[in-house]
Amino acid sequence: MRRSGIFQPCNGSRAMRVLIVDDDAMTAELTAECLTMDSSVSVRTVGDGASAMRVVSEFTPDVILLDVELPDISGLELAPQLKVACRECTPRVIIFSGSVPEAEPNFLPAGVDAWLTKPAHLDQLLDCIFRPMGARSRPW
């Protein structure tokens, strides 16, 4: 599963840090389990925007997997706030959504780097996470 040399964590460590922000605990847990099969990936999960804002500065994620519909805030509103809150580096933000087409025009202006529809296939998720920064994102 490891994709060596494709994406370098911005936190200077060997472990890539992924923050999963999703109020669906089952989705968050399954995604975390899949990602941590690779020992070079460290994952934290939270269920709402307020918790994400608290965790983001201490965890310093390289990638944020963000549900578009959270109980306290829209993922599209939260994405730019999370990027600003990460002082050491700017994380890649990937939106998870049950349906993408109607919200898609708002993704790039909100600072979203890529997006996936739920449920995402593991290979699609890994492609989004490990794609080099600046590479053109594509919807799945």
N, C-alpha and C. Protein backbone atom coordinates (compact mmCIF):
# COMPACT_ATOMS: atom_id res chain seq x y z
N MET A 1 0.81 -1.19 0.00
CA MET A 1 0.00 0.00 0.00
C MET A 1 0.86 1.26 0.00
N ARG A 2 2.05 1.20 0.53
CA ARG A 2 2.88 2.39 0.64
C ARG A 2 3.28 2.88 -0.74
N ARG A 3 3.25 4.18 -0.91
CA ARG A 3 3.60 4.80 -2.18
C ARG A 3 4.82 5.67 -1.97
N SER A 4 5.95 5.07 -1.81
CA SER A 4 7.19 5.77 -1.47
C SER A 4 7.55 6.82 -2.50
N GLY A 5 8.01 7.96 -2.01
CA GLY A 5 8.54 9.00 -2.86
C GLY A 5 7.52 9.82 -3.60
N ILE A 6 6.25 9.54 -3.45
CA ILE A 6 5.24 10.28 -4.20
C ILE A 6 4.82 11.53 -3.44
N PHE A 7 4.57 11.41 -2.17
CA PHE A 7 4.11 12.55 -1.37
C PHE A 7 4.95 12.61 -0.11
N GLN A 8 5.55 13.73 0.15
CA GLN A 8 6.36 13.88 1.35
C GLN A 8 5.57 14.63 2.41
N PRO A 9 5.46 14.10 3.61
CA PRO A 9 4.75 14.80 4.66
C PRO A 9 5.39 16.15 4.94
N CYS A 10 4.57 17.14 5.20
CA CYS A 10 5.11 18.48 5.43
C CYS A 10 5.54 18.67 6.88
N ASN A 11 5.28 17.70 7.76
CA ASN A 11 5.66 17.87 9.15
C ASN A 11 7.08 17.40 9.43
N GLY A 12 7.81 16.99 8.39
CA GLY A 12 9.20 16.62 8.55
C GLY A 12 9.43 15.24 9.13
N SER A 13 8.38 14.56 9.52
CA SER A 13 8.55 13.22 10.07
C SER A 13 8.33 12.19 8.97
N ARG A 14 8.59 10.96 9.30
CA ARG A 14 8.37 9.90 8.32
C ARG A 14 6.89 9.53 8.22
N ALA A 15 6.16 9.68 9.29
CA ALA A 15 4.74 9.31 9.27
C ALA A 15 3.90 10.40 8.64
N MET A 16 3.08 10.01 7.69
CA MET A 16 2.11 10.95 7.14
C MET A 16 0.95 11.04 8.12
N ARG A 17 0.53 12.24 8.43
CA ARG A 17 -0.56 12.44 9.38
C ARG A 17 -1.85 12.77 8.64
N VAL A 18 -2.89 11.99 8.92
CA VAL A 18 -4.19 12.17 8.29
C VAL A 18 -5.22 12.43 9.37
N LEU A 19 -5.95 13.53 9.25
CA LEU A 19 -7.05 13.85 10.15
C LEU A 19 -8.34 13.55 9.40
N ILE A 20 -9.17 12.68 9.98
CA ILE A 20 -10.47 12.35 9.41
C ILE A 20 -11.53 13.09 10.21
N VAL A 21 -12.31 13.93 9.51
CA VAL A 21 -13.38 14.70 10.15
C VAL A 21 -14.69 14.21 9.55
N ASP A 22 -15.39 13.36 10.30
CA ASP A 22 -16.63 12.77 9.79
C ASP A 22 -17.52 12.40 10.97
N ASP A 23 -18.78 12.81 10.93
CA ASP A 23 -19.69 12.50 12.02
C ASP A 23 -20.25 11.08 11.93
N ASP A 24 -19.98 10.39 10.84
CA ASP A 24 -20.36 8.98 10.70
C ASP A 24 -19.20 8.16 11.26
N ALA A 25 -19.36 7.70 12.49
CA ALA A 25 -18.27 6.99 13.18
C ALA A 25 -17.82 5.75 12.44
N MET A 26 -18.74 5.04 11.81
CA MET A 26 -18.38 3.83 11.07
C MET A 26 -17.49 4.17 9.88
N THR A 27 -17.85 5.20 9.13
CA THR A 27 -17.03 5.62 7.99
C THR A 27 -15.64 6.03 8.45
N ALA A 28 -15.59 6.84 9.52
CA ALA A 28 -14.30 7.31 10.04
C ALA A 28 -13.43 6.14 10.49
N GLU A 29 -14.03 5.20 11.21
CA GLU A 29 -13.28 4.06 11.74
C GLU A 29 -12.76 3.16 10.62
N LEU A 30 -13.60 2.86 9.64
CA LEU A 30 -13.17 2.00 8.53
C LEU A 30 -12.08 2.67 7.70
N THR A 31 -12.24 3.96 7.46
CA THR A 31 -11.22 4.69 6.71
C THR A 31 -9.90 4.69 7.47
N ALA A 32 -9.96 4.94 8.77
CA ALA A 32 -8.75 4.94 9.59
C ALA A 32 -8.07 3.57 9.57
N GLU A 33 -8.86 2.51 9.69
CA GLU A 33 -8.29 1.15 9.66
C GLU A 33 -7.58 0.87 8.34
N CYS A 34 -8.19 1.28 7.25
CA CYS A 34 -7.57 1.06 5.93
C CYS A 34 -6.25 1.83 5.82
N LEU A 35 -6.25 3.07 6.26
CA LEU A 35 -5.05 3.90 6.12
C LEU A 35 -3.93 3.44 7.03
N THR A 36 -4.25 2.96 8.22
CA THR A 36 -3.20 2.56 9.16
C THR A 36 -2.67 1.15 8.89
N MET A 37 -3.17 0.50 7.84
CA MET A 37 -2.52 -0.75 7.41
C MET A 37 -1.10 -0.44 6.95
N ASP A 38 -0.88 0.79 6.54
CA ASP A 38 0.46 1.27 6.19
C ASP A 38 1.05 1.90 7.45
N SER A 39 2.11 1.33 7.97
CA SER A 39 2.68 1.81 9.24
C SER A 39 3.26 3.22 9.14
N SER A 40 3.38 3.75 7.93
CA SER A 40 3.92 5.10 7.79
C SER A 40 2.81 6.16 7.84
N VAL A 41 1.59 5.75 8.16
CA VAL A 41 0.46 6.68 8.23
C VAL A 41 -0.08 6.70 9.65
N SER A 42 -0.22 7.91 10.20
CA SER A 42 -0.80 8.13 11.51
C SER A 42 -2.14 8.83 11.32
N VAL A 43 -3.18 8.34 12.00
CA VAL A 43 -4.54 8.87 11.78
C VAL A 43 -5.16 9.31 13.09
N ARG A 44 -5.87 10.43 13.05
CA ARG A 44 -6.74 10.87 14.15
C ARG A 44 -8.12 11.08 13.56
N THR A 45 -9.17 10.80 14.32
CA THR A 45 -10.53 11.01 13.86
C THR A 45 -11.29 11.90 14.83
N VAL A 46 -12.13 12.76 14.27
CA VAL A 46 -13.04 13.60 15.06
C VAL A 46 -14.37 13.64 14.33
N GLY A 47 -15.44 14.01 15.06
CA GLY A 47 -16.77 13.95 14.49
C GLY A 47 -17.43 15.27 14.17
N ASP A 48 -16.75 16.39 14.43
CA ASP A 48 -17.37 17.68 14.14
C ASP A 48 -16.32 18.75 13.89
N GLY A 49 -16.76 19.90 13.43
CA GLY A 49 -15.85 20.98 13.08
C GLY A 49 -15.11 21.57 14.26
N ALA A 50 -15.81 21.73 15.39
CA ALA A 50 -15.16 22.31 16.58
C ALA A 50 -14.01 21.42 17.05
N SER A 51 -14.23 20.12 17.05
CA SER A 51 -13.16 19.19 17.45
C SER A 51 -12.01 19.23 16.46
N ALA A 52 -12.33 19.34 15.18
CA ALA A 52 -11.28 19.43 14.16
C ALA A 52 -10.40 20.65 14.39
N MET A 53 -11.01 21.78 14.71
CA MET A 53 -10.25 23.00 14.95
C MET A 53 -9.35 22.85 16.18
N ARG A 54 -9.81 22.13 17.19
CA ARG A 54 -8.97 21.92 18.39
C ARG A 54 -7.79 21.00 18.08
N VAL A 55 -8.02 19.97 17.31
CA VAL A 55 -7.01 18.94 17.06
C VAL A 55 -5.98 19.38 16.03
N VAL A 56 -6.39 20.18 15.05
CA VAL A 56 -5.55 20.45 13.89
C VAL A 56 -4.22 21.11 14.25
N SER A 57 -4.19 21.98 15.24
CA SER A 57 -2.94 22.67 15.56
C SER A 57 -1.95 21.77 16.30
N GLU A 58 -2.44 20.82 17.08
CA GLU A 58 -1.53 19.93 17.81
C GLU A 58 -1.11 18.72 16.98
N PHE A 59 -1.97 18.26 16.09
CA PHE A 59 -1.70 17.06 15.30
C PHE A 59 -0.93 17.38 14.01
N THR A 60 -1.08 18.58 13.49
CA THR A 60 -0.42 19.04 12.26
C THR A 60 -0.58 18.03 11.12
N PRO A 61 -1.80 17.88 10.61
CA PRO A 61 -2.02 16.89 9.55
C PRO A 61 -1.43 17.30 8.22
N ASP A 62 -1.02 16.30 7.45
CA ASP A 62 -0.61 16.51 6.06
C ASP A 62 -1.82 16.48 5.15
N VAL A 63 -2.81 15.68 5.55
CA VAL A 63 -4.03 15.51 4.77
C VAL A 63 -5.21 15.54 5.72
N ILE A 64 -6.28 16.22 5.30
CA ILE A 64 -7.52 16.25 6.06
C ILE A 64 -8.61 15.66 5.18
N LEU A 65 -9.22 14.57 5.63
CA LEU A 65 -10.38 13.99 4.96
C LEU A 65 -11.60 14.57 5.65
N LEU A 66 -12.38 15.34 4.93
CA LEU A 66 -13.40 16.18 5.53
C LEU A 66 -14.78 15.87 4.95
N ASP A 67 -15.69 15.46 5.81
CA ASP A 67 -17.08 15.25 5.40
C ASP A 67 -17.69 16.60 5.06
N VAL A 68 -18.46 16.67 4.00
CA VAL A 68 -19.05 17.95 3.60
C VAL A 68 -20.20 18.34 4.52
N GLU A 69 -20.87 17.36 5.13
CA GLU A 69 -22.02 17.66 6.00
C GLU A 69 -21.71 17.24 7.43
N LEU A 70 -21.27 18.20 8.23
CA LEU A 70 -20.98 17.96 9.65
C LEU A 70 -22.12 18.54 10.49
N PRO A 71 -22.27 18.09 11.73
CA PRO A 71 -23.39 18.57 12.54
C PRO A 71 -23.31 20.06 12.90
N ASP A 72 -22.11 20.62 12.98
CA ASP A 72 -21.99 22.00 13.44
C ASP A 72 -21.56 23.00 12.38
N ILE A 73 -21.07 22.53 11.23
CA ILE A 73 -20.58 23.43 10.19
C ILE A 73 -20.46 22.66 8.87
N SER A 74 -20.58 23.36 7.79
CA SER A 74 -20.36 22.74 6.48
C SER A 74 -18.87 22.48 6.28
N GLY A 75 -18.55 21.36 5.68
CA GLY A 75 -17.15 21.07 5.37
C GLY A 75 -16.54 22.13 4.46
N LEU A 76 -17.37 22.72 3.60
CA LEU A 76 -16.88 23.78 2.71
C LEU A 76 -16.52 25.05 3.48
N GLU A 77 -17.24 25.33 4.56
CA GLU A 77 -16.90 26.47 5.41
C GLU A 77 -15.67 26.16 6.27
N LEU A 78 -15.56 24.92 6.69
CA LEU A 78 -14.48 24.52 7.59
C LEU A 78 -13.13 24.38 6.89
N ALA A 79 -13.13 23.98 5.63
CA ALA A 79 -11.87 23.71 4.91
C ALA A 79 -10.88 24.87 4.97
N PRO A 80 -11.28 26.11 4.61
CA PRO A 80 -10.29 27.19 4.66
C PRO A 80 -9.85 27.52 6.09
N GLN A 81 -10.74 27.34 7.06
CA GLN A 81 -10.38 27.59 8.46
C GLN A 81 -9.31 26.60 8.93
N LEU A 82 -9.45 25.35 8.52
CA LEU A 82 -8.46 24.34 8.91
C LEU A 82 -7.11 24.62 8.27
N LYS A 83 -7.11 25.05 7.02
CA LYS A 83 -5.84 25.36 6.36
C LYS A 83 -5.12 26.51 7.06
N VAL A 84 -5.87 27.52 7.47
CA VAL A 84 -5.27 28.66 8.18
C VAL A 84 -4.76 28.23 9.56
N ALA A 85 -5.49 27.35 10.22
CA ALA A 85 -5.12 26.92 11.57
C ALA A 85 -3.85 26.07 11.59
N CYS A 86 -3.50 25.47 10.47
CA CYS A 86 -2.26 24.69 10.38
C CYS A 86 -1.11 25.64 10.12
N ARG A 87 -0.40 25.98 11.14
CA ARG A 87 0.65 27.00 11.03
C ARG A 87 1.93 26.47 10.40
N GLU A 88 2.26 25.21 10.64
CA GLU A 88 3.52 24.65 10.14
C GLU A 88 3.48 24.35 8.65
N CYS A 89 2.34 23.97 8.15
CA CYS A 89 2.22 23.63 6.73
C CYS A 89 0.76 23.71 6.31
N THR A 90 0.54 23.73 5.03
CA THR A 90 -0.82 23.75 4.51
C THR A 90 -1.18 22.33 4.10
N PRO A 91 -2.15 21.73 4.79
CA PRO A 91 -2.52 20.35 4.46
C PRO A 91 -3.34 20.27 3.18
N ARG A 92 -3.30 19.11 2.57
CA ARG A 92 -4.20 18.82 1.45
C ARG A 92 -5.57 18.51 2.07
N VAL A 93 -6.63 19.11 1.54
CA VAL A 93 -7.98 18.85 2.03
C VAL A 93 -8.75 18.07 0.98
N ILE A 94 -9.28 16.93 1.40
CA ILE A 94 -10.07 16.08 0.53
C ILE A 94 -11.48 15.99 1.11
N ILE A 95 -12.46 16.37 0.32
CA ILE A 95 -13.85 16.34 0.76
C ILE A 95 -14.46 14.97 0.46
N PHE A 96 -15.18 14.45 1.46
CA PHE A 96 -16.01 13.26 1.31
C PHE A 96 -17.45 13.74 1.19
N SER A 97 -18.18 13.26 0.24
CA SER A 97 -19.57 13.69 0.10
C SER A 97 -20.41 12.56 -0.46
N GLY A 98 -21.65 12.49 0.01
CA GLY A 98 -22.57 11.50 -0.52
C GLY A 98 -22.96 11.81 -1.95
N SER A 99 -23.02 13.09 -2.27
CA SER A 99 -23.32 13.51 -3.64
C SER A 99 -22.50 14.75 -3.95
N VAL A 100 -21.81 14.74 -5.06
CA VAL A 100 -20.87 15.81 -5.39
C VAL A 100 -21.41 16.85 -6.37
N PRO A 101 -22.14 16.48 -7.41
CA PRO A 101 -22.39 17.41 -8.51
C PRO A 101 -22.90 18.80 -8.13
N GLU A 102 -23.87 18.92 -7.23
CA GLU A 102 -24.40 20.25 -6.92
C GLU A 102 -23.43 21.11 -6.12
N ALA A 103 -22.56 20.52 -5.35
CA ALA A 103 -21.61 21.29 -4.53
C ALA A 103 -20.26 21.49 -5.22
N GLU A 104 -19.99 20.74 -6.27
CA GLU A 104 -18.68 20.75 -6.91
C GLU A 104 -18.15 22.14 -7.26
N PRO A 105 -18.95 23.07 -7.80
CA PRO A 105 -18.41 24.39 -8.14
C PRO A 105 -17.85 25.15 -6.93
N ASN A 106 -18.26 24.77 -5.73
CA ASN A 106 -17.80 25.46 -4.52
C ASN A 106 -16.52 24.87 -3.93
N PHE A 107 -16.09 23.72 -4.40
CA PHE A 107 -14.95 23.04 -3.79
C PHE A 107 -13.64 23.80 -3.93
N LEU A 108 -13.25 24.15 -5.13
CA LEU A 108 -11.96 24.82 -5.33
C LEU A 108 -11.89 26.17 -4.63
N PRO A 109 -12.92 27.04 -4.72
CA PRO A 109 -12.85 28.31 -3.99
C PRO A 109 -12.75 28.13 -2.47
N ALA A 110 -13.23 26.99 -1.95
CA ALA A 110 -13.17 26.73 -0.51
C ALA A 110 -11.82 26.17 -0.09
N GLY A 111 -10.91 25.95 -1.03
CA GLY A 111 -9.60 25.42 -0.68
C GLY A 111 -9.53 23.91 -0.68
N VAL A 112 -10.49 23.27 -1.30
CA VAL A 112 -10.51 21.81 -1.38
C VAL A 112 -9.59 21.36 -2.51
N ASP A 113 -8.73 20.41 -2.23
CA ASP A 113 -7.76 19.94 -3.20
C ASP A 113 -8.25 18.76 -4.04
N ALA A 114 -9.17 17.98 -3.48
CA ALA A 114 -9.73 16.83 -4.19
C ALA A 114 -11.04 16.45 -3.50
N TRP A 115 -11.83 15.64 -4.17
CA TRP A 115 -13.09 15.22 -3.58
C TRP A 115 -13.43 13.81 -4.03
N LEU A 116 -14.12 13.12 -3.14
CA LEU A 116 -14.53 11.74 -3.37
C LEU A 116 -15.99 11.59 -2.97
N THR A 117 -16.72 10.74 -3.67
CA THR A 117 -18.07 10.42 -3.23
C THR A 117 -18.01 9.22 -2.30
N LYS A 118 -18.91 9.20 -1.33
CA LYS A 118 -19.00 8.07 -0.40
C LYS A 118 -19.88 7.00 -1.01
N PRO A 119 -19.55 5.76 -0.80
CA PRO A 119 -18.32 5.26 -0.20
C PRO A 119 -17.19 5.28 -1.23
N ALA A 120 -16.03 5.70 -0.81
CA ALA A 120 -14.87 5.78 -1.71
C ALA A 120 -14.18 4.43 -1.76
N HIS A 121 -13.69 4.08 -2.92
CA HIS A 121 -12.87 2.88 -3.05
C HIS A 121 -11.48 3.19 -2.51
N LEU A 122 -10.85 2.22 -1.92
CA LEU A 122 -9.54 2.42 -1.29
C LEU A 122 -8.51 2.96 -2.28
N ASP A 123 -8.49 2.43 -3.49
CA ASP A 123 -7.49 2.91 -4.46
C ASP A 123 -7.71 4.37 -4.82
N GLN A 124 -8.96 4.81 -4.88
CA GLN A 124 -9.26 6.21 -5.15
C GLN A 124 -8.81 7.10 -4.00
N LEU A 125 -9.07 6.65 -2.78
CA LEU A 125 -8.67 7.41 -1.60
C LEU A 125 -7.15 7.53 -1.54
N LEU A 126 -6.45 6.43 -1.76
CA LEU A 126 -4.99 6.47 -1.72
C LEU A 126 -4.42 7.36 -2.82
N ASP A 127 -5.04 7.33 -3.99
CA ASP A 127 -4.59 8.19 -5.08
C ASP A 127 -4.71 9.66 -4.68
N CYS A 128 -5.81 10.03 -4.06
CA CYS A 128 -5.99 11.42 -3.62
C CYS A 128 -5.00 11.80 -2.52
N ILE A 129 -4.78 10.91 -1.59
CA ILE A 129 -3.89 11.21 -0.47
C ILE A 129 -2.44 11.32 -0.92
N PHE A 130 -1.99 10.38 -1.74
CA PHE A 130 -0.57 10.32 -2.07
C PHE A 130 -0.19 11.04 -3.35
N ARG A 131 -1.16 11.64 -4.04
CA ARG A 131 -0.85 12.41 -5.25
C ARG A 131 0.03 13.60 -4.86
N PRO A 132 1.04 13.91 -5.64
CA PRO A 132 1.90 15.05 -5.30
C PRO A 132 1.09 16.34 -5.19
N MET A 133 1.48 17.19 -4.24
CA MET A 133 0.81 18.48 -4.10
C MET A 133 0.94 19.25 -5.40
N GLY A 134 -0.11 19.92 -5.79
CA GLY A 134 -0.09 20.70 -7.01
C GLY A 134 -0.54 19.92 -8.23
N ALA A 135 -0.60 18.60 -8.12
CA ALA A 135 -1.08 17.80 -9.25
C ALA A 135 -2.58 18.03 -9.41
N ARG A 136 -3.03 18.03 -10.61
CA ARG A 136 -4.44 18.29 -10.89
C ARG A 136 -5.31 17.24 -10.21
N SER A 137 -6.28 17.72 -9.44
CA SER A 137 -7.19 16.78 -8.79
C SER A 137 -8.29 16.39 -9.76
N ARG A 138 -8.87 15.24 -9.49
CA ARG A 138 -9.97 14.81 -10.33
C ARG A 138 -11.06 14.23 -9.44
N PRO A 139 -12.30 14.44 -9.81
CA PRO A 139 -13.38 13.86 -9.00
C PRO A 139 -13.49 12.37 -9.25
N TRP A 140 -13.97 11.64 -8.27
CA TRP A 140 -14.18 10.20 -8.41
C TRP A 140 -15.65 9.92 -8.28
